[in-house]
């Protein structure tokens, strides 16, 4: 994500979770749209959407258009 570089997502989760939210014109989520459109290989990273809890947090952040909420949940996950 452009505004949250530490939020990394694997290709599978991007295709299954992120891309549909970017494509859905009805939802217009600024959080989902914040993803860098061109895939980037990161030497060492883990997928932040690996758990149901983080997937729910991401979807909630998109629905609310609240990247701060996502930042908060990511910080909780890494502490």
N, C-alpha and C. Protein backbone atom coordinates (compact mmCIF):
# COMPACT_ATOMS: atom_id res chain seq x y z
N UNK A 1 0.85 -1.18 0.00
CA UNK A 1 0.00 0.00 0.00
C UNK A 1 0.89 1.23 0.00
N UNK A 2 0.47 2.21 -0.72
CA UNK A 2 1.27 3.43 -0.83
C UNK A 2 1.43 4.13 0.52
N UNK A 3 0.36 4.20 1.32
CA UNK A 3 0.41 4.90 2.60
C UNK A 3 0.73 4.00 3.78
N UNK A 4 0.89 2.72 3.53
CA UNK A 4 1.15 1.76 4.60
C UNK A 4 2.06 0.66 4.05
N UNK A 5 3.33 1.02 3.85
CA UNK A 5 4.28 0.12 3.17
C UNK A 5 4.45 -1.23 3.87
N UNK A 6 4.26 -1.26 5.17
CA UNK A 6 4.45 -2.52 5.90
C UNK A 6 3.26 -3.48 5.73
N UNK A 7 2.21 -3.01 5.08
CA UNK A 7 1.05 -3.87 4.82
C UNK A 7 1.28 -4.58 3.50
N UNK A 8 1.81 -5.78 3.58
CA UNK A 8 2.12 -6.57 2.38
C UNK A 8 1.10 -7.70 2.23
N UNK A 9 0.82 -8.03 0.99
CA UNK A 9 -0.19 -9.04 0.70
C UNK A 9 0.34 -9.96 -0.39
N UNK A 10 0.14 -11.25 -0.21
CA UNK A 10 0.57 -12.22 -1.22
C UNK A 10 -0.33 -12.10 -2.46
N UNK A 11 0.12 -12.68 -3.54
CA UNK A 11 -0.61 -12.62 -4.81
C UNK A 11 -2.00 -13.24 -4.70
N UNK A 12 -2.08 -14.35 -4.00
CA UNK A 12 -3.36 -15.05 -3.86
C UNK A 12 -4.39 -14.19 -3.11
N UNK A 13 -3.98 -13.58 -2.01
CA UNK A 13 -4.90 -12.73 -1.23
C UNK A 13 -5.23 -11.45 -1.99
N UNK A 14 -4.26 -10.93 -2.71
CA UNK A 14 -4.52 -9.74 -3.53
C UNK A 14 -5.63 -10.03 -4.53
N UNK A 15 -5.49 -11.16 -5.23
CA UNK A 15 -6.48 -11.52 -6.25
C UNK A 15 -7.85 -11.83 -5.64
N UNK A 16 -7.86 -12.47 -4.48
CA UNK A 16 -9.11 -12.92 -3.88
C UNK A 16 -9.81 -11.85 -3.04
N UNK A 17 -9.05 -10.96 -2.40
CA UNK A 17 -9.63 -10.03 -1.45
C UNK A 17 -9.51 -8.57 -1.89
N UNK A 18 -8.32 -8.17 -2.27
CA UNK A 18 -8.06 -6.75 -2.58
C UNK A 18 -8.63 -6.35 -3.93
N UNK A 19 -8.28 -7.09 -4.97
CA UNK A 19 -8.69 -6.70 -6.32
C UNK A 19 -10.20 -6.56 -6.49
N UNK A 20 -11.01 -7.48 -5.95
CA UNK A 20 -12.46 -7.29 -6.09
C UNK A 20 -12.95 -5.99 -5.46
N UNK A 21 -12.33 -5.55 -4.38
CA UNK A 21 -12.72 -4.29 -3.76
C UNK A 21 -12.28 -3.09 -4.60
N UNK A 22 -11.16 -3.22 -5.27
CA UNK A 22 -10.69 -2.15 -6.15
C UNK A 22 -11.62 -2.04 -7.36
N UNK A 23 -12.01 -3.17 -7.90
CA UNK A 23 -12.85 -3.21 -9.10
C UNK A 23 -14.31 -2.81 -8.86
N UNK A 24 -14.81 -3.02 -7.67
CA UNK A 24 -16.22 -2.78 -7.38
C UNK A 24 -16.51 -1.28 -7.34
N UNK A 25 -17.09 -0.78 -8.40
CA UNK A 25 -17.41 0.64 -8.53
C UNK A 25 -18.39 1.13 -7.46
N UNK A 26 -19.21 0.24 -6.97
CA UNK A 26 -20.22 0.66 -6.00
C UNK A 26 -19.60 1.00 -4.65
N UNK A 27 -18.47 0.39 -4.33
CA UNK A 27 -17.88 0.57 -3.00
C UNK A 27 -16.87 1.70 -2.95
N UNK A 28 -16.16 1.96 -4.01
CA UNK A 28 -15.20 3.08 -4.10
C UNK A 28 -14.36 3.21 -2.82
N UNK A 29 -13.70 2.17 -2.41
CA UNK A 29 -12.88 2.21 -1.20
C UNK A 29 -11.53 2.87 -1.47
N UNK A 30 -11.28 3.96 -0.78
CA UNK A 30 -9.99 4.63 -0.89
C UNK A 30 -8.88 3.78 -0.29
N UNK A 31 -9.22 2.96 0.69
CA UNK A 31 -8.23 2.09 1.31
C UNK A 31 -7.76 1.05 0.30
N UNK A 32 -8.70 0.37 -0.35
CA UNK A 32 -8.33 -0.63 -1.35
C UNK A 32 -7.61 0.03 -2.52
N UNK A 33 -8.08 1.20 -2.92
CA UNK A 33 -7.46 1.90 -4.05
C UNK A 33 -6.05 2.38 -3.72
N UNK A 34 -5.68 2.40 -2.44
CA UNK A 34 -4.36 2.83 -2.01
C UNK A 34 -3.29 1.79 -2.35
N UNK A 35 -3.72 0.59 -2.73
CA UNK A 35 -2.75 -0.43 -3.12
C UNK A 35 -2.05 -0.02 -4.40
N UNK A 36 -0.80 -0.29 -4.45
CA UNK A 36 -0.02 -0.02 -5.65
C UNK A 36 -0.50 -1.01 -6.70
N UNK A 37 -0.90 -0.52 -7.84
CA UNK A 37 -1.54 -1.37 -8.86
C UNK A 37 -0.58 -2.38 -9.48
N UNK A 38 0.66 -2.01 -9.59
CA UNK A 38 1.64 -2.92 -10.18
C UNK A 38 2.24 -3.79 -9.07
N UNK A 39 2.18 -5.07 -9.27
CA UNK A 39 2.72 -5.98 -8.26
C UNK A 39 4.22 -5.77 -8.11
N UNK A 40 4.66 -5.84 -6.87
CA UNK A 40 6.07 -5.66 -6.56
C UNK A 40 6.55 -6.84 -5.75
N UNK A 41 7.68 -7.36 -6.15
CA UNK A 41 8.28 -8.45 -5.39
C UNK A 41 9.06 -7.84 -4.23
N UNK A 42 8.83 -8.36 -3.04
CA UNK A 42 9.52 -7.90 -1.86
C UNK A 42 10.40 -9.05 -1.39
N UNK A 43 11.70 -8.78 -1.16
CA UNK A 43 12.62 -9.87 -0.82
C UNK A 43 12.17 -10.71 0.37
N UNK A 44 11.76 -10.05 1.45
CA UNK A 44 11.30 -10.77 2.64
C UNK A 44 10.06 -10.07 3.15
N UNK A 45 8.96 -10.78 3.13
CA UNK A 45 7.71 -10.20 3.61
C UNK A 45 6.73 -11.31 3.94
N UNK A 46 5.74 -10.96 4.73
CA UNK A 46 4.68 -11.92 5.01
C UNK A 46 3.36 -11.30 4.59
N UNK A 47 2.40 -12.13 4.35
CA UNK A 47 1.09 -11.66 3.93
C UNK A 47 0.31 -11.19 5.16
N UNK A 48 -0.12 -9.94 5.13
CA UNK A 48 -0.87 -9.39 6.26
C UNK A 48 -2.32 -9.83 6.27
N UNK A 49 -2.78 -10.45 5.21
CA UNK A 49 -4.16 -10.93 5.15
C UNK A 49 -4.25 -12.44 5.37
N UNK A 50 -3.27 -12.99 6.07
CA UNK A 50 -3.23 -14.44 6.27
C UNK A 50 -4.32 -14.93 7.22
N UNK A 51 -4.77 -14.06 8.13
CA UNK A 51 -5.75 -14.52 9.12
C UNK A 51 -7.13 -13.93 8.84
N UNK A 52 -8.13 -14.63 9.31
CA UNK A 52 -9.50 -14.14 9.16
C UNK A 52 -9.66 -12.81 9.88
N UNK A 53 -9.01 -12.64 11.01
CA UNK A 53 -9.11 -11.40 11.77
C UNK A 53 -8.60 -10.21 10.96
N UNK A 54 -7.46 -10.37 10.29
CA UNK A 54 -6.91 -9.28 9.50
C UNK A 54 -7.71 -9.06 8.22
N UNK A 55 -8.24 -10.13 7.65
CA UNK A 55 -9.11 -9.98 6.47
C UNK A 55 -10.35 -9.17 6.84
N UNK A 56 -10.93 -9.49 8.01
CA UNK A 56 -12.10 -8.75 8.48
C UNK A 56 -11.74 -7.29 8.75
N UNK A 57 -10.57 -7.05 9.35
CA UNK A 57 -10.13 -5.69 9.63
C UNK A 57 -9.92 -4.92 8.33
N UNK A 58 -9.34 -5.55 7.33
CA UNK A 58 -9.13 -4.90 6.04
C UNK A 58 -10.46 -4.54 5.39
N UNK A 59 -11.38 -5.49 5.39
CA UNK A 59 -12.70 -5.22 4.79
C UNK A 59 -13.43 -4.10 5.54
N UNK A 60 -13.32 -4.11 6.87
CA UNK A 60 -13.95 -3.06 7.67
C UNK A 60 -13.32 -1.70 7.35
N UNK A 61 -12.00 -1.65 7.25
CA UNK A 61 -11.30 -0.40 6.91
C UNK A 61 -11.74 0.09 5.54
N UNK A 62 -11.90 -0.81 4.60
CA UNK A 62 -12.35 -0.43 3.25
C UNK A 62 -13.77 0.11 3.30
N UNK A 63 -14.64 -0.56 4.03
CA UNK A 63 -16.03 -0.14 4.12
C UNK A 63 -16.13 1.26 4.74
N UNK A 64 -15.29 1.52 5.74
CA UNK A 64 -15.31 2.81 6.44
C UNK A 64 -14.44 3.87 5.75
N UNK A 65 -13.66 3.44 4.77
CA UNK A 65 -12.65 4.31 4.16
C UNK A 65 -11.75 4.91 5.25
N UNK A 66 -11.24 4.03 6.12
CA UNK A 66 -10.49 4.45 7.30
C UNK A 66 -9.15 3.72 7.37
N UNK A 67 -8.13 4.30 6.75
CA UNK A 67 -6.82 3.67 6.76
C UNK A 67 -6.21 3.69 8.16
N UNK A 68 -6.62 4.65 8.98
CA UNK A 68 -6.15 4.71 10.36
C UNK A 68 -6.56 3.47 11.14
N UNK A 69 -7.76 2.99 10.89
CA UNK A 69 -8.24 1.76 11.54
C UNK A 69 -7.35 0.58 11.15
N UNK A 70 -7.01 0.51 9.87
CA UNK A 70 -6.16 -0.57 9.40
C UNK A 70 -4.76 -0.47 10.02
N UNK A 71 -4.23 0.73 10.11
CA UNK A 71 -2.91 0.95 10.75
C UNK A 71 -2.94 0.48 12.21
N UNK A 72 -4.02 0.81 12.89
CA UNK A 72 -4.18 0.40 14.30
C UNK A 72 -4.20 -1.12 14.43
N UNK A 73 -4.97 -1.78 13.58
CA UNK A 73 -5.05 -3.24 13.64
C UNK A 73 -3.73 -3.90 13.27
N UNK A 74 -3.01 -3.32 12.32
CA UNK A 74 -1.71 -3.85 11.94
C UNK A 74 -0.72 -3.71 13.08
N UNK A 75 -0.76 -2.60 13.79
CA UNK A 75 0.13 -2.39 14.95
C UNK A 75 -0.19 -3.39 16.05
N UNK A 76 -1.48 -3.66 16.28
CA UNK A 76 -1.88 -4.65 17.29
C UNK A 76 -1.36 -6.04 16.90
N UNK A 77 -1.42 -6.35 15.64
CA UNK A 77 -1.00 -7.66 15.14
C UNK A 77 0.50 -7.87 15.36
N UNK A 78 1.28 -6.81 15.18
CA UNK A 78 2.74 -6.97 15.27
C UNK A 78 3.29 -6.76 16.67
N UNK A 79 2.42 -6.44 17.64
CA UNK A 79 2.93 -6.28 19.02
C UNK A 79 2.71 -7.51 19.84
